[in-house]
Amino acid sequence: MAEGKHQLTVTDRQSLHITGVVQVLGYDEDEIALETTRGILTLKGKNFNITSLSLENGSLEASGHLQALDYRENKGGRGQGFLRRILK
């Protein structure tokens, strides 16, 4: 996993600003899955919209209603859980 600074800022559960983004593993209006420099981050909510994404700078901005977020360690096999769920 790439080392580097990672920051997540949530404003009023409606606006997200994330740094340390390595790649977007999956995205729809109810879930965003990201590989960050500190592990896999899954955001769950409603009406998500990615408003800005720069993998070169490692930043993402999104809007929507955040209901939950979950971090897990990246131990290879990026996003396998997410991909398994959508491919069922």
C-alpha atoms as a PDB file:
ATOM      1  CA  MET A   1       0.000   0.000   0.000  1.00  0.00           C
ATOM      2  CA  ALA A   2       1.296   3.436  -0.857  1.00  0.00           C
ATOM      3  CA  GLU A   3       2.352   5.533   2.091  1.00  0.00           C
ATOM      4  CA  GLY A   4       1.183   9.098   2.303  1.00  0.00           C
ATOM      5  CA  LYS A   5      -1.069  11.553   4.016  1.00  0.00           C
ATOM      6  CA  HIS A   6      -4.780  10.787   4.037  1.00  0.00           C
ATOM      7  CA  GLN A   7      -7.510  13.096   5.271  1.00  0.00           C
ATOM      8  CA  LEU A   8     -11.298  12.842   5.251  1.00  0.00           C
ATOM      9  CA  THR A   9     -13.429  15.921   5.891  1.00  0.00           C
ATOM     10  CA  VAL A  10     -17.204  15.624   6.188  1.00  0.00           C
ATOM     11  CA  THR A  11     -19.369  18.734   6.424  1.00  0.00           C
ATOM     12  CA  ASP A  12     -22.974  18.326   7.619  1.00  0.00           C
ATOM     13  CA  ARG A  13     -22.981  14.727   6.319  1.00  0.00           C
ATOM     14  CA  GLN A  14     -23.573  16.267   2.867  1.00  0.00           C
ATOM     15  CA  SER A  15     -20.139  17.270   1.579  1.00  0.00           C
ATOM     16  CA  LEU A  16     -16.977  15.131   1.487  1.00  0.00           C
ATOM     17  CA  HIS A  17     -13.381  16.079   0.772  1.00  0.00           C
ATOM     18  CA  ILE A  18     -10.858  13.233   0.754  1.00  0.00           C
ATOM     19  CA  THR A  19      -7.101  13.313   0.177  1.00  0.00           C
ATOM     20  CA  GLY A  20      -4.748  10.358  -0.207  1.00  0.00           C
ATOM     21  CA  VAL A  21      -6.973   8.708  -2.840  1.00  0.00           C
ATOM     22  CA  VAL A  22      -5.080   6.156  -4.938  1.00  0.00           C
ATOM     23  CA  GLN A  23      -7.997   4.951  -7.074  1.00  0.00           C
ATOM     24  CA  VAL A  24     -11.779   4.666  -7.213  1.00  0.00           C
ATOM     25  CA  LEU A  25     -12.749   0.989  -6.934  1.00  0.00           C
ATOM     26  CA  GLY A  26     -16.466   1.507  -7.474  1.00  0.00           C
ATOM     27  CA  TYR A  27     -19.076   4.205  -7.503  1.00  0.00           C
ATOM     28  CA  ASP A  28     -22.854   4.527  -7.671  1.00  0.00           C
ATOM     29  CA  GLU A  29     -25.401   6.794  -6.018  1.00  0.00           C
ATOM     30  CA  ASP A  30     -25.461   4.655  -2.836  1.00  0.00           C
ATOM     31  CA  GLU A  31     -21.794   3.692  -2.382  1.00  0.00           C
ATOM     32  CA  ILE A  32     -18.293   4.901  -3.153  1.00  0.00           C
ATOM     33  CA  ALA A  33     -15.356   2.501  -2.679  1.00  0.00           C
ATOM     34  CA  LEU A  34     -11.850   3.954  -2.705  1.00  0.00           C
ATOM     35  CA  GLU A  35      -8.316   2.744  -2.270  1.00  0.00           C
ATOM     36  CA  THR A  36      -6.518   5.295  -0.110  1.00  0.00           C
ATOM     37  CA  THR A  37      -2.983   5.486   1.170  1.00  0.00           C
ATOM     38  CA  ARG A  38      -4.314   4.166   4.499  1.00  0.00           C
ATOM     39  CA  GLY A  39      -6.539   1.322   3.291  1.00  0.00           C
ATOM     40  CA  ILE A  40      -9.819   0.672   1.534  1.00  0.00           C
ATOM     41  CA  LEU A  41     -12.517   3.228   2.363  1.00  0.00           C
ATOM     42  CA  THR A  42     -16.176   2.473   1.662  1.00  0.00           C
ATOM     43  CA  LEU A  43     -18.724   5.287   1.962  1.00  0.00           C
ATOM     44  CA  LYS A  44     -22.417   4.413   2.103  1.00  0.00           C
ATOM     45  CA  GLY A  45     -25.300   6.815   1.735  1.00  0.00           C
ATOM     46  CA  LYS A  46     -27.781   8.261  -0.734  1.00  0.00           C
ATOM     47  CA  ASN A  47     -27.538  10.421  -3.848  1.00  0.00           C
ATOM     48  CA  PHE A  48     -23.733  10.443  -4.040  1.00  0.00           C
ATOM     49  CA  ASN A  49     -22.237  12.569  -6.782  1.00  0.00           C
ATOM     50  CA  ILE A  50     -18.474  12.863  -7.308  1.00  0.00           C
ATOM     51  CA  THR A  51     -17.993  16.551  -8.048  1.00  0.00           C
ATOM     52  CA  SER A  52     -14.202  16.540  -8.388  1.00  0.00           C
ATOM     53  CA  LEU A  53     -11.621  13.792  -8.804  1.00  0.00           C
ATOM     54  CA  SER A  54      -7.874  14.120  -9.334  1.00  0.00           C
ATOM     55  CA  LEU A  55      -5.909  10.901  -8.984  1.00  0.00           C
ATOM     56  CA  GLU A  56      -2.790  12.862  -9.873  1.00  0.00           C
ATOM     57  CA  ASN A  57      -3.278  14.950  -6.699  1.00  0.00           C
ATOM     58  CA  GLY A  58      -4.993  12.113  -4.805  1.00  0.00           C
ATOM     59  CA  SER A  59      -8.121  14.131  -4.040  1.00  0.00           C
ATOM     60  CA  LEU A  60     -11.846  13.548  -4.348  1.00  0.00           C
ATOM     61  CA  GLU A  61     -14.834  15.740  -3.543  1.00  0.00           C
ATOM     62  CA  ALA A  62     -18.373  14.389  -3.411  1.00  0.00           C
ATOM     63  CA  SER A  63     -21.825  15.422  -2.317  1.00  0.00           C
ATOM     64  CA  GLY A  64     -24.746  13.340  -1.069  1.00  0.00           C
ATOM     65  CA  HIS A  65     -26.084  12.087   2.249  1.00  0.00           C
ATOM     66  CA  LEU A  66     -23.421  10.106   4.147  1.00  0.00           C
ATOM     67  CA  GLN A  67     -24.841   7.319   6.311  1.00  0.00           C
ATOM     68  CA  ALA A  68     -21.773   5.188   7.075  1.00  0.00           C
ATOM     69  CA  LEU A  69     -18.084   4.831   6.345  1.00  0.00           C
ATOM     70  CA  ASP A  70     -15.824   1.835   6.771  1.00  0.00           C
ATOM     71  CA  TYR A  71     -12.060   1.378   6.568  1.00  0.00           C
ATOM     72  CA  ARG A  72     -10.323  -1.935   6.047  1.00  0.00           C
ATOM     73  CA  GLU A  73      -6.746  -2.868   5.394  1.00  0.00           C
ATOM     74  CA  ASN A  74      -5.748  -3.474   1.803  1.00  0.00           C
ATOM     75  CA  LYS A  75      -4.279  -6.983   1.817  1.00  0.00           C
ATOM     76  CA  GLY A  76      -4.188  -7.537  -1.936  1.00  0.00           C
ATOM     77  CA  GLY A  77      -7.121  -8.282  -4.177  1.00  0.00           C
ATOM     78  CA  ARG A  78      -8.325  -4.707  -4.332  1.00  0.00           C
ATOM     79  CA  GLY A  79     -12.036  -4.276  -3.955  1.00  0.00           C
ATOM     80  CA  GLN A  80     -12.856  -7.965  -4.149  1.00  0.00           C
ATOM     81  CA  GLY A  81     -15.718  -7.661  -1.672  1.00  0.00           C
ATOM     82  CA  PHE A  82     -17.240  -4.774  -3.571  1.00  0.00           C
ATOM     83  CA  LEU A  83     -16.815  -6.504  -6.921  1.00  0.00           C
ATOM     84  CA  ARG A  84     -18.301  -9.744  -5.608  1.00  0.00           C
ATOM     85  CA  ARG A  85     -21.392  -7.836  -4.427  1.00  0.00           C
ATOM     86  CA  ILE A  86     -22.008  -6.103  -7.747  1.00  0.00           C
ATOM     87  CA  LEU A  87     -21.280  -9.174  -9.879  1.00  0.00           C
ATOM     88  CA  LYS A  88     -23.741 -11.475  -8.052  1.00  0.00           C
END
